[in-house]
N, C-alpha and C. Protein backbone atom coordinates (compact mmCIF):
# COMPACT_ATOMS: atom_id res chain seq x y z
N THR A 1 0.84 -1.18 0.00
CA THR A 1 0.00 0.00 0.00
C THR A 1 0.88 1.24 0.00
N LYS A 2 0.31 2.32 -0.46
CA LYS A 2 1.04 3.58 -0.56
C LYS A 2 1.17 4.30 0.78
N PHE A 3 0.30 3.97 1.73
CA PHE A 3 0.27 4.63 3.02
C PHE A 3 0.54 3.63 4.13
N ASP A 4 1.10 4.11 5.25
CA ASP A 4 1.29 3.25 6.41
C ASP A 4 -0.04 3.06 7.12
N ILE A 5 -0.35 1.79 7.47
CA ILE A 5 -1.59 1.46 8.17
C ILE A 5 -1.22 0.71 9.43
N PHE A 6 -1.77 1.17 10.55
CA PHE A 6 -1.50 0.55 11.84
C PHE A 6 -2.82 0.10 12.46
N GLN A 7 -2.78 -0.98 13.22
CA GLN A 7 -3.96 -1.44 13.94
C GLN A 7 -3.53 -1.89 15.34
N ASP A 8 -4.19 -1.33 16.35
CA ASP A 8 -3.91 -1.66 17.74
C ASP A 8 -5.21 -2.11 18.40
N ILE A 9 -5.08 -2.94 19.41
CA ILE A 9 -6.22 -3.30 20.25
C ILE A 9 -5.91 -2.74 21.64
N VAL A 10 -6.77 -1.84 22.10
CA VAL A 10 -6.52 -1.11 23.35
C VAL A 10 -7.78 -1.11 24.21
N PHE A 11 -7.62 -0.84 25.50
CA PHE A 11 -8.77 -0.64 26.38
C PHE A 11 -9.31 0.77 26.16
N ALA A 12 -10.62 0.90 26.17
CA ALA A 12 -11.25 2.22 26.02
C ALA A 12 -10.89 3.10 27.20
N GLU A 13 -10.55 4.35 26.93
CA GLU A 13 -10.14 5.27 27.99
C GLU A 13 -11.26 5.55 28.99
N ASN A 14 -12.49 5.65 28.49
CA ASN A 14 -13.62 5.99 29.37
C ASN A 14 -14.32 4.76 29.95
N ASP A 15 -13.91 3.55 29.53
CA ASP A 15 -14.55 2.32 30.02
C ASP A 15 -13.54 1.18 29.97
N PRO A 16 -12.85 0.89 31.07
CA PRO A 16 -11.82 -0.16 31.06
C PRO A 16 -12.38 -1.57 30.86
N GLU A 17 -13.71 -1.70 30.78
CA GLU A 17 -14.31 -3.00 30.50
C GLU A 17 -14.54 -3.19 29.01
N SER A 18 -14.19 -2.21 28.20
CA SER A 18 -14.39 -2.28 26.75
C SER A 18 -13.06 -2.26 26.01
N LEU A 19 -12.98 -3.05 24.95
CA LEU A 19 -11.81 -3.04 24.08
C LEU A 19 -12.12 -2.27 22.81
N LEU A 20 -11.08 -1.64 22.25
CA LEU A 20 -11.21 -0.93 20.97
C LEU A 20 -10.22 -1.50 19.98
N VAL A 21 -10.64 -1.59 18.72
CA VAL A 21 -9.72 -1.82 17.62
C VAL A 21 -9.49 -0.45 17.02
N ARG A 22 -8.25 0.02 17.06
CA ARG A 22 -7.90 1.36 16.58
C ARG A 22 -7.10 1.21 15.29
N GLN A 23 -7.64 1.74 14.19
CA GLN A 23 -6.95 1.70 12.90
C GLN A 23 -6.53 3.12 12.55
N ILE A 24 -5.26 3.26 12.14
CA ILE A 24 -4.71 4.56 11.77
C ILE A 24 -4.08 4.44 10.39
N VAL A 25 -4.49 5.31 9.49
CA VAL A 25 -3.88 5.40 8.16
C VAL A 25 -3.13 6.71 8.11
N LYS A 26 -1.80 6.64 7.93
CA LYS A 26 -0.97 7.85 7.87
C LYS A 26 -0.76 8.23 6.41
N PHE A 27 -1.35 9.35 6.02
CA PHE A 27 -1.21 9.85 4.66
C PHE A 27 0.07 10.65 4.50
N SER A 28 0.50 11.30 5.61
CA SER A 28 1.75 12.06 5.63
C SER A 28 2.11 12.25 7.10
N GLU A 29 3.17 13.00 7.37
CA GLU A 29 3.57 13.25 8.76
C GLU A 29 2.52 14.04 9.53
N THR A 30 1.71 14.82 8.83
CA THR A 30 0.74 15.68 9.50
C THR A 30 -0.72 15.28 9.25
N ASN A 31 -0.97 14.34 8.34
CA ASN A 31 -2.34 13.96 8.01
C ASN A 31 -2.55 12.47 8.22
N GLU A 32 -3.57 12.15 9.03
CA GLU A 32 -3.88 10.74 9.26
C GLU A 32 -5.38 10.59 9.50
N LEU A 33 -5.86 9.37 9.29
CA LEU A 33 -7.24 9.00 9.57
C LEU A 33 -7.20 7.98 10.70
N CYS A 34 -7.93 8.25 11.77
CA CYS A 34 -7.97 7.33 12.90
C CYS A 34 -9.42 6.89 13.09
N VAL A 35 -9.65 5.58 13.10
CA VAL A 35 -10.98 5.03 13.27
C VAL A 35 -10.95 4.06 14.44
N ASP A 36 -11.82 4.28 15.42
CA ASP A 36 -11.95 3.38 16.56
C ASP A 36 -13.19 2.52 16.37
N ALA A 37 -13.07 1.26 16.74
CA ALA A 37 -14.19 0.34 16.67
C ALA A 37 -14.28 -0.43 17.98
N LEU A 38 -15.49 -0.64 18.46
CA LEU A 38 -15.67 -1.46 19.64
C LEU A 38 -15.34 -2.90 19.28
N ALA A 39 -14.50 -3.55 20.09
CA ALA A 39 -14.04 -4.91 19.81
C ALA A 39 -14.90 -5.92 20.55
N SER A 40 -15.03 -7.11 19.98
CA SER A 40 -15.80 -8.18 20.60
C SER A 40 -14.94 -9.44 20.67
N THR A 41 -14.74 -9.95 21.88
CA THR A 41 -14.07 -11.23 22.10
C THR A 41 -14.93 -12.03 23.08
N SER A 42 -14.54 -13.25 23.37
CA SER A 42 -15.33 -14.04 24.32
C SER A 42 -15.34 -13.40 25.70
N ALA A 43 -14.25 -12.72 26.07
CA ALA A 43 -14.18 -12.06 27.38
C ALA A 43 -14.90 -10.71 27.37
N TYR A 44 -15.01 -10.07 26.21
CA TYR A 44 -15.64 -8.77 26.07
C TYR A 44 -16.65 -8.82 24.93
N PRO A 45 -17.74 -9.57 25.08
CA PRO A 45 -18.69 -9.73 23.96
C PRO A 45 -19.54 -8.47 23.73
N LEU A 46 -19.92 -8.26 22.48
CA LEU A 46 -20.83 -7.18 22.10
C LEU A 46 -22.12 -7.80 21.58
N GLU A 47 -23.21 -7.54 22.25
CA GLU A 47 -24.49 -8.11 21.83
C GLU A 47 -24.95 -7.54 20.50
N GLU A 48 -24.63 -6.26 20.23
CA GLU A 48 -25.12 -5.60 19.02
C GLU A 48 -24.33 -5.97 17.76
N LEU A 49 -23.31 -6.80 17.90
CA LEU A 49 -22.45 -7.14 16.76
C LEU A 49 -23.21 -7.97 15.73
N THR A 50 -23.09 -7.59 14.48
CA THR A 50 -23.65 -8.38 13.38
C THR A 50 -22.52 -8.79 12.46
N ASP A 51 -22.72 -9.86 11.71
CA ASP A 51 -21.69 -10.33 10.80
C ASP A 51 -21.48 -9.34 9.66
N ARG A 52 -20.23 -9.18 9.25
CA ARG A 52 -19.89 -8.30 8.14
C ARG A 52 -20.43 -8.91 6.84
N GLU A 53 -21.00 -8.05 6.01
CA GLU A 53 -21.57 -8.51 4.75
C GLU A 53 -20.70 -8.19 3.55
N ARG A 54 -19.80 -7.21 3.68
CA ARG A 54 -18.92 -6.81 2.57
C ARG A 54 -17.47 -6.85 3.04
N THR A 55 -16.54 -6.83 2.08
CA THR A 55 -15.12 -6.97 2.39
C THR A 55 -14.49 -5.72 2.99
N GLY A 56 -15.11 -4.56 2.82
CA GLY A 56 -14.56 -3.32 3.37
C GLY A 56 -13.88 -2.45 2.33
N LYS A 57 -13.81 -2.91 1.09
CA LYS A 57 -13.23 -2.06 0.05
C LYS A 57 -14.15 -0.88 -0.22
N ILE A 58 -13.55 0.29 -0.47
CA ILE A 58 -14.29 1.51 -0.77
C ILE A 58 -13.97 1.90 -2.20
N LEU A 59 -14.99 1.89 -3.05
CA LEU A 59 -14.82 2.16 -4.48
C LEU A 59 -13.73 1.26 -5.09
N GLY A 60 -13.69 0.02 -4.61
CA GLY A 60 -12.72 -0.94 -5.12
C GLY A 60 -11.34 -0.82 -4.52
N LEU A 61 -11.14 0.14 -3.59
CA LEU A 61 -9.83 0.35 -2.99
C LEU A 61 -9.77 -0.24 -1.58
N ASN A 62 -8.62 -0.75 -1.22
CA ASN A 62 -8.37 -1.31 0.10
C ASN A 62 -7.78 -0.20 0.97
N VAL A 63 -8.65 0.58 1.66
CA VAL A 63 -8.18 1.72 2.45
C VAL A 63 -7.86 1.30 3.88
N LEU A 64 -8.75 0.59 4.54
CA LEU A 64 -8.56 0.20 5.93
C LEU A 64 -8.38 -1.31 6.10
N GLY A 65 -8.04 -2.00 5.04
CA GLY A 65 -7.89 -3.45 5.12
C GLY A 65 -9.11 -4.15 4.57
N VAL A 66 -8.92 -5.36 4.09
CA VAL A 66 -10.01 -6.14 3.52
C VAL A 66 -10.37 -7.24 4.50
N SER A 67 -11.66 -7.42 4.72
CA SER A 67 -12.13 -8.39 5.71
C SER A 67 -12.64 -9.66 5.03
N LEU A 68 -12.56 -10.74 5.78
CA LEU A 68 -13.17 -11.99 5.35
C LEU A 68 -14.66 -11.91 5.65
N VAL A 69 -15.47 -12.52 4.78
CA VAL A 69 -16.91 -12.52 4.98
C VAL A 69 -17.44 -13.93 4.78
N GLY A 70 -18.65 -14.17 5.26
CA GLY A 70 -19.29 -15.46 5.07
C GLY A 70 -18.55 -16.59 5.77
N ASP A 71 -18.47 -17.74 5.10
CA ASP A 71 -17.83 -18.93 5.68
C ASP A 71 -16.35 -18.70 5.97
N GLU A 72 -15.68 -17.85 5.18
CA GLU A 72 -14.26 -17.56 5.41
C GLU A 72 -14.03 -16.86 6.75
N ALA A 73 -15.06 -16.19 7.27
CA ALA A 73 -14.92 -15.43 8.50
C ALA A 73 -15.24 -16.24 9.76
N GLU A 74 -15.62 -17.49 9.59
CA GLU A 74 -15.93 -18.32 10.76
C GLU A 74 -14.70 -18.52 11.62
N GLU A 75 -14.89 -18.50 12.94
CA GLU A 75 -13.78 -18.66 13.87
C GLU A 75 -13.25 -20.09 13.85
N ASP A 76 -11.94 -20.23 13.92
CA ASP A 76 -11.28 -21.54 13.98
C ASP A 76 -11.46 -22.08 15.40
N VAL A 77 -12.16 -23.21 15.53
CA VAL A 77 -12.44 -23.77 16.86
C VAL A 77 -11.17 -24.17 17.59
N ASP A 78 -10.09 -24.42 16.87
CA ASP A 78 -8.81 -24.77 17.49
C ASP A 78 -8.04 -23.54 17.97
N ARG A 79 -8.49 -22.34 17.57
CA ARG A 79 -7.82 -21.09 17.96
C ARG A 79 -8.86 -20.07 18.41
N PRO A 80 -9.51 -20.31 19.56
CA PRO A 80 -10.54 -19.36 20.01
C PRO A 80 -9.95 -17.96 20.20
N ASP A 81 -10.74 -16.97 19.86
CA ASP A 81 -10.35 -15.55 19.96
C ASP A 81 -9.16 -15.18 19.07
N SER A 82 -8.89 -15.98 18.03
CA SER A 82 -7.82 -15.61 17.10
C SER A 82 -8.27 -14.48 16.18
N ARG A 83 -9.57 -14.27 16.09
CA ARG A 83 -10.12 -13.14 15.34
C ARG A 83 -10.84 -12.22 16.32
N VAL A 84 -10.60 -10.93 16.21
CA VAL A 84 -11.32 -9.96 17.02
C VAL A 84 -12.34 -9.30 16.10
N ARG A 85 -13.60 -9.44 16.43
CA ARG A 85 -14.66 -8.83 15.64
C ARG A 85 -14.91 -7.44 16.20
N PHE A 86 -15.39 -6.50 15.36
CA PHE A 86 -15.56 -5.14 15.85
C PHE A 86 -16.67 -4.41 15.14
N VAL A 87 -17.16 -3.37 15.82
CA VAL A 87 -18.21 -2.49 15.33
C VAL A 87 -17.66 -1.07 15.35
N PHE A 88 -17.69 -0.36 14.21
CA PHE A 88 -17.14 0.99 14.18
C PHE A 88 -17.90 1.89 15.13
N ASP A 89 -17.14 2.68 15.89
CA ASP A 89 -17.70 3.52 16.93
C ASP A 89 -17.42 4.99 16.70
N GLU A 90 -16.19 5.33 16.28
CA GLU A 90 -15.79 6.72 16.20
C GLU A 90 -14.68 6.90 15.18
N GLY A 91 -14.72 7.98 14.43
CA GLY A 91 -13.64 8.32 13.50
C GLY A 91 -13.18 9.74 13.75
N ARG A 92 -11.86 9.97 13.61
CA ARG A 92 -11.32 11.32 13.83
C ARG A 92 -10.41 11.68 12.68
């Protein structure tokens, strides 16, 4: 990709019982896109979570990463919590 993309899993500052998936796309030293999403794991489940229906490409471009959907997105029973599911919460 042309831009640096970072993804962290952190505890929410205002709620230590919640996890966030934080994605940052650095366009330059002074310009970046930061998107926070509420994370769901077996220890921190989200009831409102629904399965992703699309890969996440925007106008055919992979901006924030491409996601698995459908059967490809099923969790591996031999590796519980190897995938962190998330719901977008905030963008800055």
